[in-house]
Amino acid sequence: MVNGVSKTYSMTGWRIGYAAGPTEAMQAISNLQDHSTSNPASISQKAALAALKGPQDCVESMRLEFERRRDYMCQRLDKMKDISYVKPQGAFYIFCDISKTGAKSMEFAKRLLDEANVAVIPGGPFGWDNYVRLSFATSSENIKKGLDRIEQWFTRQ
C-alpha cells in the first residue's frame, strides 16, 4: 500500500507519503528512495503524524464538500457547449476536453487567463493537448466566479 497526506488531509505541498508491505518489497523501495528523495522537514513529518493519528471526521466532511463543489462545477460545465469531461471520482479537479474550440491547451489557457482572468492548467504537459484542468480545491465563491467568467468568455467567442 502506498499513500500520502496531500489530498486526504488537504496538505498539498507538504510532500509526505508512506508505504506498507512485505519486508522484502519495503527494503527494495527504501533502497531506491534513499537515492532519489530524502529529508522531509521534521515539521512536515509531525504534521502528517498528527493528521493520521488525529480525529478523522474532518476527512468525511471535506470529502462531502469536494463532492458538492465537483457536482456544482459539473452542472455548470454541462451547459457549456464547447467543453466535455469525464466526471472525476476521486480527484479535486476536472480534466476538460476543449477540442471543439480548435485551440490547443496552452493557447486556450493563455487566452482564458488574458481575456477572462481565469487560470486553468494546460493538458499538454500531461500528454493531452486537447484538455485543460479545472480545480475545485478552492472556495465555492471562487468556483462560481471562475465559471461565470468562462461562460461569459465563451459567449464573446
N, C-alpha and C. Protein backbone atom coordinates (compact mmCIF):
# COMPACT_ATOMS: atom_id res chain seq x y z
N MET A 1 0.84 -1.15 0.00
CA MET A 1 0.00 0.00 0.00
C MET A 1 0.90 1.24 0.00
N VAL A 2 0.56 2.18 -0.84
CA VAL A 2 1.27 3.45 -0.89
C VAL A 2 0.22 4.54 -0.77
N ASN A 3 0.49 5.54 0.06
CA ASN A 3 -0.48 6.62 0.24
C ASN A 3 0.28 7.87 0.65
N GLY A 4 -0.46 8.94 0.81
CA GLY A 4 0.12 10.20 1.24
C GLY A 4 -0.93 11.02 1.96
N VAL A 5 -0.54 12.18 2.43
CA VAL A 5 -1.46 13.03 3.19
C VAL A 5 -1.95 14.23 2.38
N SER A 6 -1.43 14.42 1.18
CA SER A 6 -1.74 15.62 0.41
C SER A 6 -3.23 15.86 0.19
N LYS A 7 -3.90 14.88 -0.35
CA LYS A 7 -5.31 15.09 -0.69
C LYS A 7 -6.24 14.81 0.49
N THR A 8 -6.05 13.71 1.16
CA THR A 8 -6.94 13.33 2.25
C THR A 8 -7.02 14.39 3.34
N TYR A 9 -5.88 14.97 3.65
CA TYR A 9 -5.84 15.94 4.75
C TYR A 9 -5.58 17.37 4.27
N SER A 10 -5.77 17.60 2.98
CA SER A 10 -5.55 18.93 2.39
C SER A 10 -4.18 19.48 2.75
N MET A 11 -3.18 18.64 2.61
CA MET A 11 -1.81 19.03 2.93
C MET A 11 -0.95 19.04 1.67
N THR A 12 -1.51 19.58 0.57
CA THR A 12 -0.75 19.65 -0.66
C THR A 12 0.49 20.51 -0.43
N GLY A 13 1.58 20.10 -1.01
CA GLY A 13 2.83 20.82 -0.84
C GLY A 13 3.68 20.30 0.30
N TRP A 14 3.08 19.54 1.21
CA TRP A 14 3.86 19.01 2.33
C TRP A 14 4.73 17.83 1.89
N ARG A 15 4.32 17.15 0.82
CA ARG A 15 5.08 16.07 0.21
C ARG A 15 5.46 14.96 1.18
N ILE A 16 4.47 14.45 1.88
CA ILE A 16 4.70 13.35 2.80
C ILE A 16 3.84 12.17 2.36
N GLY A 17 4.47 11.03 2.21
CA GLY A 17 3.77 9.81 1.87
C GLY A 17 4.29 8.67 2.71
N TYR A 18 3.66 7.51 2.54
CA TYR A 18 4.10 6.35 3.29
C TYR A 18 3.75 5.09 2.51
N ALA A 19 4.41 4.03 2.85
CA ALA A 19 4.19 2.74 2.20
C ALA A 19 4.22 1.64 3.24
N ALA A 20 3.49 0.58 2.99
CA ALA A 20 3.49 -0.59 3.86
C ALA A 20 3.39 -1.83 2.98
N GLY A 21 4.09 -2.86 3.37
CA GLY A 21 4.04 -4.08 2.59
C GLY A 21 5.03 -5.10 3.12
N PRO A 22 5.25 -6.17 2.37
CA PRO A 22 6.20 -7.21 2.78
C PRO A 22 7.60 -6.61 2.96
N THR A 23 8.32 -7.11 3.94
CA THR A 23 9.65 -6.59 4.29
C THR A 23 10.57 -6.50 3.08
N GLU A 24 10.59 -7.53 2.27
CA GLU A 24 11.49 -7.56 1.11
C GLU A 24 11.15 -6.42 0.13
N ALA A 25 9.88 -6.22 -0.12
CA ALA A 25 9.46 -5.14 -1.02
C ALA A 25 9.77 -3.78 -0.42
N MET A 26 9.53 -3.62 0.87
CA MET A 26 9.79 -2.33 1.53
C MET A 26 11.29 -2.01 1.54
N GLN A 27 12.13 -3.04 1.69
CA GLN A 27 13.57 -2.82 1.65
C GLN A 27 14.01 -2.34 0.27
N ALA A 28 13.46 -2.95 -0.78
CA ALA A 28 13.80 -2.54 -2.15
C ALA A 28 13.33 -1.11 -2.40
N ILE A 29 12.15 -0.78 -1.94
CA ILE A 29 11.62 0.59 -2.09
C ILE A 29 12.51 1.57 -1.32
N SER A 30 12.89 1.20 -0.12
CA SER A 30 13.76 2.06 0.70
C SER A 30 15.10 2.30 0.02
N ASN A 31 15.66 1.25 -0.57
CA ASN A 31 16.94 1.41 -1.27
C ASN A 31 16.82 2.38 -2.43
N LEU A 32 15.75 2.28 -3.18
CA LEU A 32 15.51 3.20 -4.30
C LEU A 32 15.24 4.61 -3.80
N GLN A 33 14.39 4.74 -2.81
CA GLN A 33 14.01 6.04 -2.27
C GLN A 33 15.20 6.76 -1.67
N ASP A 34 16.08 6.05 -1.03
CA ASP A 34 17.26 6.67 -0.40
C ASP A 34 18.09 7.48 -1.39
N HIS A 35 18.03 7.10 -2.66
CA HIS A 35 18.87 7.75 -3.67
C HIS A 35 18.08 8.74 -4.54
N SER A 36 16.81 8.90 -4.27
CA SER A 36 16.02 9.82 -5.10
C SER A 36 15.39 10.96 -4.30
N THR A 37 14.94 10.70 -3.11
CA THR A 37 14.37 11.75 -2.27
C THR A 37 14.77 11.46 -0.83
N SER A 38 14.85 12.51 -0.06
CA SER A 38 15.16 12.30 1.35
C SER A 38 14.91 13.56 2.14
N ASN A 39 15.00 13.42 3.43
CA ASN A 39 14.96 14.53 4.36
C ASN A 39 13.71 15.40 4.31
N PRO A 40 12.53 14.80 4.42
CA PRO A 40 11.36 15.68 4.57
C PRO A 40 11.53 16.47 5.87
N ALA A 41 11.08 17.70 5.86
CA ALA A 41 11.21 18.56 7.04
C ALA A 41 10.51 17.92 8.24
N SER A 42 11.11 18.08 9.40
CA SER A 42 10.56 17.47 10.60
C SER A 42 9.15 17.99 10.90
N ILE A 43 8.89 19.25 10.61
CA ILE A 43 7.54 19.79 10.86
C ILE A 43 6.52 19.11 9.95
N SER A 44 6.92 18.79 8.71
CA SER A 44 6.03 18.07 7.80
C SER A 44 5.74 16.67 8.32
N GLN A 45 6.76 16.02 8.85
CA GLN A 45 6.57 14.68 9.40
C GLN A 45 5.63 14.72 10.61
N LYS A 46 5.83 15.69 11.48
CA LYS A 46 4.97 15.82 12.67
C LYS A 46 3.54 16.14 12.28
N ALA A 47 3.37 17.01 11.29
CA ALA A 47 2.03 17.37 10.83
C ALA A 47 1.32 16.16 10.23
N ALA A 48 2.04 15.37 9.43
CA ALA A 48 1.46 14.18 8.84
C ALA A 48 1.06 13.17 9.92
N LEU A 49 1.90 12.99 10.90
CA LEU A 49 1.60 12.07 12.00
C LEU A 49 0.36 12.54 12.76
N ALA A 50 0.28 13.84 13.02
CA ALA A 50 -0.89 14.39 13.71
C ALA A 50 -2.16 14.16 12.88
N ALA A 51 -2.06 14.35 11.57
CA ALA A 51 -3.22 14.13 10.71
C ALA A 51 -3.66 12.67 10.74
N LEU A 52 -2.71 11.76 10.65
CA LEU A 52 -3.03 10.33 10.63
C LEU A 52 -3.57 9.83 11.96
N LYS A 53 -3.06 10.35 13.07
CA LYS A 53 -3.46 9.88 14.40
C LYS A 53 -4.64 10.66 14.98
N GLY A 54 -4.92 11.81 14.44
CA GLY A 54 -5.96 12.67 14.99
C GLY A 54 -7.37 12.25 14.59
N PRO A 55 -8.36 13.03 14.98
CA PRO A 55 -9.74 12.74 14.62
C PRO A 55 -9.89 12.71 13.09
N GLN A 56 -10.70 11.80 12.61
CA GLN A 56 -10.85 11.62 11.16
C GLN A 56 -12.16 12.19 10.62
N ASP A 57 -12.99 12.80 11.46
CA ASP A 57 -14.27 13.34 10.99
C ASP A 57 -14.07 14.43 9.94
N CYS A 58 -12.94 15.13 9.98
CA CYS A 58 -12.68 16.18 9.00
C CYS A 58 -12.53 15.60 7.60
N VAL A 59 -12.06 14.37 7.48
CA VAL A 59 -11.87 13.75 6.18
C VAL A 59 -13.22 13.58 5.48
N GLU A 60 -14.20 13.07 6.19
CA GLU A 60 -15.53 12.88 5.60
C GLU A 60 -16.19 14.21 5.29
N SER A 61 -16.06 15.20 6.16
CA SER A 61 -16.69 16.49 5.88
C SER A 61 -16.06 17.15 4.66
N MET A 62 -14.74 17.03 4.49
CA MET A 62 -14.10 17.59 3.30
C MET A 62 -14.46 16.80 2.05
N ARG A 63 -14.58 15.48 2.19
CA ARG A 63 -14.99 14.67 1.02
C ARG A 63 -16.36 15.12 0.53
N LEU A 64 -17.27 15.34 1.47
CA LEU A 64 -18.61 15.80 1.11
C LEU A 64 -18.57 17.19 0.48
N GLU A 65 -17.73 18.06 1.01
CA GLU A 65 -17.59 19.41 0.44
C GLU A 65 -17.02 19.36 -0.96
N PHE A 66 -15.98 18.55 -1.17
CA PHE A 66 -15.41 18.42 -2.51
C PHE A 66 -16.43 17.82 -3.47
N GLU A 67 -17.23 16.87 -3.00
CA GLU A 67 -18.27 16.28 -3.84
C GLU A 67 -19.29 17.35 -4.25
N ARG A 68 -19.67 18.20 -3.30
CA ARG A 68 -20.62 19.28 -3.60
C ARG A 68 -20.03 20.24 -4.63
N ARG A 69 -18.77 20.63 -4.44
CA ARG A 69 -18.11 21.53 -5.39
C ARG A 69 -17.98 20.89 -6.76
N ARG A 70 -17.60 19.61 -6.80
CA ARG A 70 -17.48 18.90 -8.07
C ARG A 70 -18.81 18.86 -8.80
N ASP A 71 -19.87 18.51 -8.08
CA ASP A 71 -21.17 18.41 -8.71
C ASP A 71 -21.65 19.76 -9.24
N TYR A 72 -21.38 20.83 -8.49
CA TYR A 72 -21.73 22.17 -8.95
C TYR A 72 -20.96 22.51 -10.23
N MET A 73 -19.66 22.23 -10.23
CA MET A 73 -18.85 22.52 -11.40
C MET A 73 -19.32 21.72 -12.61
N CYS A 74 -19.65 20.45 -12.40
CA CYS A 74 -20.15 19.62 -13.49
C CYS A 74 -21.46 20.17 -14.05
N GLN A 75 -22.36 20.59 -13.18
CA GLN A 75 -23.64 21.16 -13.64
C GLN A 75 -23.40 22.39 -14.50
N ARG A 76 -22.47 23.23 -14.09
CA ARG A 76 -22.16 24.43 -14.87
C ARG A 76 -21.49 24.08 -16.20
N LEU A 77 -20.53 23.15 -16.17
CA LEU A 77 -19.83 22.76 -17.40
C LEU A 77 -20.76 22.08 -18.39
N ASP A 78 -21.77 21.36 -17.88
CA ASP A 78 -22.75 20.70 -18.75
C ASP A 78 -23.46 21.70 -19.66
N LYS A 79 -23.55 22.94 -19.25
CA LYS A 79 -24.25 23.98 -20.02
C LYS A 79 -23.34 24.66 -21.05
N MET A 80 -22.05 24.35 -21.03
CA MET A 80 -21.11 24.95 -21.97
C MET A 80 -20.88 24.00 -23.13
N LYS A 81 -21.29 24.42 -24.32
CA LYS A 81 -21.31 23.51 -25.48
C LYS A 81 -19.93 23.10 -25.98
N ASP A 82 -18.92 23.87 -25.72
CA ASP A 82 -17.60 23.56 -26.27
C ASP A 82 -16.69 22.81 -25.31
N ILE A 83 -17.22 22.35 -24.18
CA ILE A 83 -16.42 21.63 -23.20
C ILE A 83 -17.13 20.32 -22.84
N SER A 84 -16.35 19.25 -22.77
CA SER A 84 -16.87 17.99 -22.24
C SER A 84 -15.85 17.46 -21.23
N TYR A 85 -16.23 16.47 -20.48
CA TYR A 85 -15.37 15.96 -19.42
C TYR A 85 -15.88 14.60 -18.97
N VAL A 86 -15.06 13.89 -18.24
CA VAL A 86 -15.48 12.69 -17.53
C VAL A 86 -15.55 13.09 -16.06
N LYS A 87 -16.66 12.81 -15.43
CA LYS A 87 -16.85 13.20 -14.03
C LYS A 87 -15.81 12.52 -13.15
N PRO A 88 -15.01 13.31 -12.44
CA PRO A 88 -13.97 12.72 -11.59
C PRO A 88 -14.56 11.94 -10.42
N GLN A 89 -13.91 10.86 -10.08
CA GLN A 89 -14.37 10.02 -8.98
C GLN A 89 -13.53 10.18 -7.71
N GLY A 90 -12.36 10.83 -7.81
CA GLY A 90 -11.53 10.94 -6.62
C GLY A 90 -10.66 12.18 -6.57
N ALA A 91 -10.37 12.76 -7.69
CA ALA A 91 -9.50 13.94 -7.72
C ALA A 91 -10.31 15.20 -7.40
N PHE A 92 -9.61 16.31 -7.14
CA PHE A 92 -10.30 17.57 -6.91
C PHE A 92 -10.11 18.52 -8.08
N TYR A 93 -10.06 17.95 -9.26
CA TYR A 93 -10.03 18.74 -10.49
C TYR A 93 -10.78 17.98 -11.57
N ILE A 94 -11.19 18.72 -12.59
CA ILE A 94 -11.88 18.13 -13.74
C ILE A 94 -11.00 18.36 -14.96
N PHE A 95 -10.74 17.29 -15.69
CA PHE A 95 -9.96 17.36 -16.92
C PHE A 95 -10.96 17.55 -18.06
N CYS A 96 -10.97 18.74 -18.65
CA CYS A 96 -11.98 19.11 -19.65
C CYS A 96 -11.42 19.00 -21.06
N ASP A 97 -12.19 18.38 -21.93
CA ASP A 97 -11.86 18.27 -23.35
C ASP A 97 -12.26 19.58 -24.02
N ILE A 98 -11.29 20.26 -24.59
CA ILE A 98 -11.55 21.54 -25.26
C ILE A 98 -11.38 21.44 -26.77
N SER A 99 -11.33 20.23 -27.31
CA SER A 99 -11.04 20.02 -28.74
C SER A 99 -12.05 20.74 -29.64
N LYS A 100 -13.28 20.90 -29.19
CA LYS A 100 -14.30 21.59 -30.00
C LYS A 100 -13.98 23.06 -30.20
N THR A 101 -13.12 23.62 -29.37
CA THR A 101 -12.76 25.03 -29.51
C THR A 101 -11.73 25.23 -30.62
N GLY A 102 -11.03 24.15 -31.01
CA GLY A 102 -9.98 24.25 -32.02
C GLY A 102 -8.66 24.73 -31.46
N ALA A 103 -8.61 25.04 -30.19
CA ALA A 103 -7.38 25.53 -29.57
C ALA A 103 -6.66 24.39 -28.86
N LYS A 104 -5.35 24.48 -28.83
CA LYS A 104 -4.55 23.57 -28.02
C LYS A 104 -4.54 24.11 -26.60
N SER A 105 -4.14 23.28 -25.66
CA SER A 105 -4.29 23.62 -24.24
C SER A 105 -3.53 24.87 -23.81
N MET A 106 -2.30 25.07 -24.29
CA MET A 106 -1.53 26.26 -23.89
C MET A 106 -2.19 27.53 -24.39
N GLU A 107 -2.59 27.52 -25.65
CA GLU A 107 -3.25 28.69 -26.24
C GLU A 107 -4.56 28.97 -25.51
N PHE A 108 -5.35 27.93 -25.26
CA PHE A 108 -6.62 28.08 -24.57
C PHE A 108 -6.40 28.66 -23.17
N ALA A 109 -5.45 28.10 -22.44
CA ALA A 109 -5.18 28.57 -21.07
C ALA A 109 -4.71 30.02 -21.07
N LYS A 110 -3.84 30.36 -22.01
CA LYS A 110 -3.33 31.74 -22.08
C LYS A 110 -4.45 32.72 -22.40
N ARG A 111 -5.28 32.38 -23.37
CA ARG A 111 -6.39 33.27 -23.73
C ARG A 111 -7.37 33.41 -22.58
N LEU A 112 -7.68 32.32 -21.91
CA LEU A 112 -8.61 32.38 -20.79
C LEU A 112 -8.05 33.26 -19.67
N LEU A 113 -6.76 33.15 -19.43
CA LEU A 113 -6.13 33.98 -18.40
C LEU A 113 -6.12 35.45 -18.82
N ASP A 114 -5.70 35.72 -20.05
CA ASP A 114 -5.60 37.11 -20.53
C ASP A 114 -6.95 37.78 -20.73
N GLU A 115 -7.92 37.03 -21.21
CA GLU A 115 -9.20 37.63 -21.60
C GLU A 115 -10.31 37.49 -20.56
N ALA A 116 -10.18 36.51 -19.64
CA ALA A 116 -11.25 36.28 -18.66
C ALA A 116 -10.74 36.26 -17.23
N ASN A 117 -9.43 36.41 -17.05
CA ASN A 117 -8.83 36.37 -15.71
C ASN A 117 -9.12 35.06 -14.97
N VAL A 118 -9.05 33.96 -15.71
CA VAL A 118 -9.25 32.63 -15.12
C VAL A 118 -8.03 31.78 -15.45
N ALA A 119 -7.44 31.20 -14.43
CA ALA A 119 -6.29 30.32 -14.62
C ALA A 119 -6.75 28.86 -14.65
N VAL A 120 -6.34 28.15 -15.69
CA VAL A 120 -6.54 26.71 -15.80
C VAL A 120 -5.18 26.10 -16.11
N ILE A 121 -5.04 24.82 -15.93
CA ILE A 121 -3.79 24.12 -16.19
C ILE A 121 -3.87 23.46 -17.56
N PRO A 122 -2.95 23.79 -18.47
CA PRO A 122 -2.95 23.15 -19.79
C PRO A 122 -2.70 21.65 -19.68
N GLY A 123 -3.34 20.89 -20.53
CA GLY A 123 -3.18 19.44 -20.51
C GLY A 123 -1.99 18.94 -21.29
N GLY A 124 -1.39 19.79 -22.13
CA GLY A 124 -0.25 19.37 -22.94
C GLY A 124 0.85 18.70 -22.14
N PRO A 125 1.30 19.31 -21.04
CA PRO A 125 2.36 18.66 -20.25
C PRO A 125 1.97 17.29 -19.68
N PHE A 126 0.67 17.00 -19.63
CA PHE A 126 0.20 15.69 -19.17
C PHE A 126 0.05 14.72 -20.34
N GLY A 127 0.34 15.20 -21.56
CA GLY A 127 0.20 14.36 -22.75
C GLY A 127 -1.16 14.47 -23.41
N TRP A 128 -1.98 15.42 -22.99
CA TRP A 128 -3.33 15.58 -23.52
C TRP A 128 -3.53 17.05 -23.91
N ASP A 129 -3.10 17.40 -25.12
CA ASP A 129 -3.08 18.80 -25.54
C ASP A 129 -4.46 19.35 -25.89
N ASN A 130 -5.47 18.52 -25.90
CA ASN A 130 -6.84 18.99 -26.14
C ASN A 130 -7.62 19.10 -24.84
N TYR A 131 -6.91 19.14 -23.72
CA TYR A 131 -7.56 19.18 -22.40
C TYR A 131 -6.96 20.29 -21.54
N VAL A 132 -7.77 20.78 -20.62
CA VAL A 132 -7.31 21.67 -19.57
C VAL A 132 -7.86 21.15 -18.25
N ARG A 133 -7.19 21.50 -17.19
CA ARG A 133 -7.58 21.04 -15.86
C ARG A 133 -8.16 22.20 -15.07
N LEU A 134 -9.35 22.01 -14.53
CA LEU A 134 -10.02 22.99 -13.68
C LEU A 134 -10.09 22.41 -12.27
N SER A 135 -9.65 23.17 -11.30
CA SER A 135 -9.62 22.69 -9.92
C SER A 135 -10.86 23.14 -9.16
N PHE A 136 -11.35 22.26 -8.30
CA PHE A 136 -12.40 22.68 -7.37
C PHE A 136 -11.90 22.59 -5.94
N ALA A 137 -10.57 22.71 -5.79
CA ALA A 137 -9.96 22.78 -4.46
C ALA A 137 -9.79 24.24 -4.06
N THR A 138 -10.85 24.97 -4.19
CA THR A 138 -10.90 26.38 -3.81
C THR A 138 -12.30 26.65 -3.29
N SER A 139 -12.56 27.85 -2.88
CA SER A 139 -13.87 28.16 -2.31
C SER A 139 -14.98 28.07 -3.36
N SER A 140 -16.18 27.82 -2.90
CA SER A 140 -17.34 27.79 -3.79
C SER A 140 -17.51 29.14 -4.48
N GLU A 141 -17.21 30.20 -3.76
CA GLU A 141 -17.31 31.55 -4.33
C GLU A 141 -16.35 31.70 -5.52
N ASN A 142 -15.11 31.24 -5.35
CA ASN A 142 -14.14 31.32 -6.45
C ASN A 142 -14.54 30.44 -7.62
N ILE A 143 -15.09 29.27 -7.34
CA ILE A 143 -15.55 28.38 -8.41
C ILE A 143 -16.65 29.06 -9.21
N LYS A 144 -17.62 29.62 -8.53
CA LYS A 144 -18.72 30.31 -9.21
C LYS A 144 -18.20 31.46 -10.05
N LYS A 145 -17.33 32.27 -9.46
CA LYS A 145 -16.77 33.43 -10.17
C LYS A 145 -16.00 32.98 -11.41
N GLY A 146 -15.18 31.95 -11.27
CA GLY A 146 -14.41 31.45 -12.41
C GLY A 146 -15.29 30.90 -13.51
N LEU A 147 -16.30 30.12 -13.13
CA LEU A 147 -17.21 29.55 -14.14
C LEU A 147 -18.05 30.65 -14.80
N ASP A 148 -18.46 31.65 -14.04
CA ASP A 148 -19.17 32.79 -14.63
C ASP A 148 -18.31 33.44 -15.71
N ARG A 149 -17.03 33.66 -15.39
CA ARG A 149 -16.12 34.29 -16.34
C ARG A 149 -15.88 33.42 -17.56
N ILE A 150 -15.73 32.11 -17.37
CA ILE A 150 -15.55 31.20 -18.51
C ILE A 150 -16.79 31.24 -19.39
N GLU A 151 -17.95 31.17 -18.78
CA GLU A 151 -19.21 31.20 -19.54
C GLU A 151 -19.33 32.50 -20.34
N GLN A 152 -19.03 33.62 -19.71
CA GLN A 152 -19.07 34.91 -20.41
C GLN A 152 -18.04 34.96 -21.53
N TRP A 153 -16.87 34.41 -21.29
CA TRP A 153 -15.81 34.37 -22.30
C TRP A 153 -16.28 33.59 -23.53
N PHE A 154 -16.91 32.44 -23.30
CA PHE A 154 -17.41 31.65 -24.42
C PHE A 154 -18.46 32.40 -25.22
N THR A 155 -19.31 33.17 -24.56
CA THR A 155 -20.35 33.91 -25.31
C THR A 155 -19.75 35.01 -26.18
N ARG A 156 -18.55 35.48 -25.85
CA ARG A 156 -17.89 36.52 -26.67
C ARG A 156 -17.10 35.92 -27.83
N GLN A 157 -16.93 34.62 -27.87
CA GLN A 157 -16.13 33.99 -28.94
C GLN A 157 -16.90 33.88 -30.23
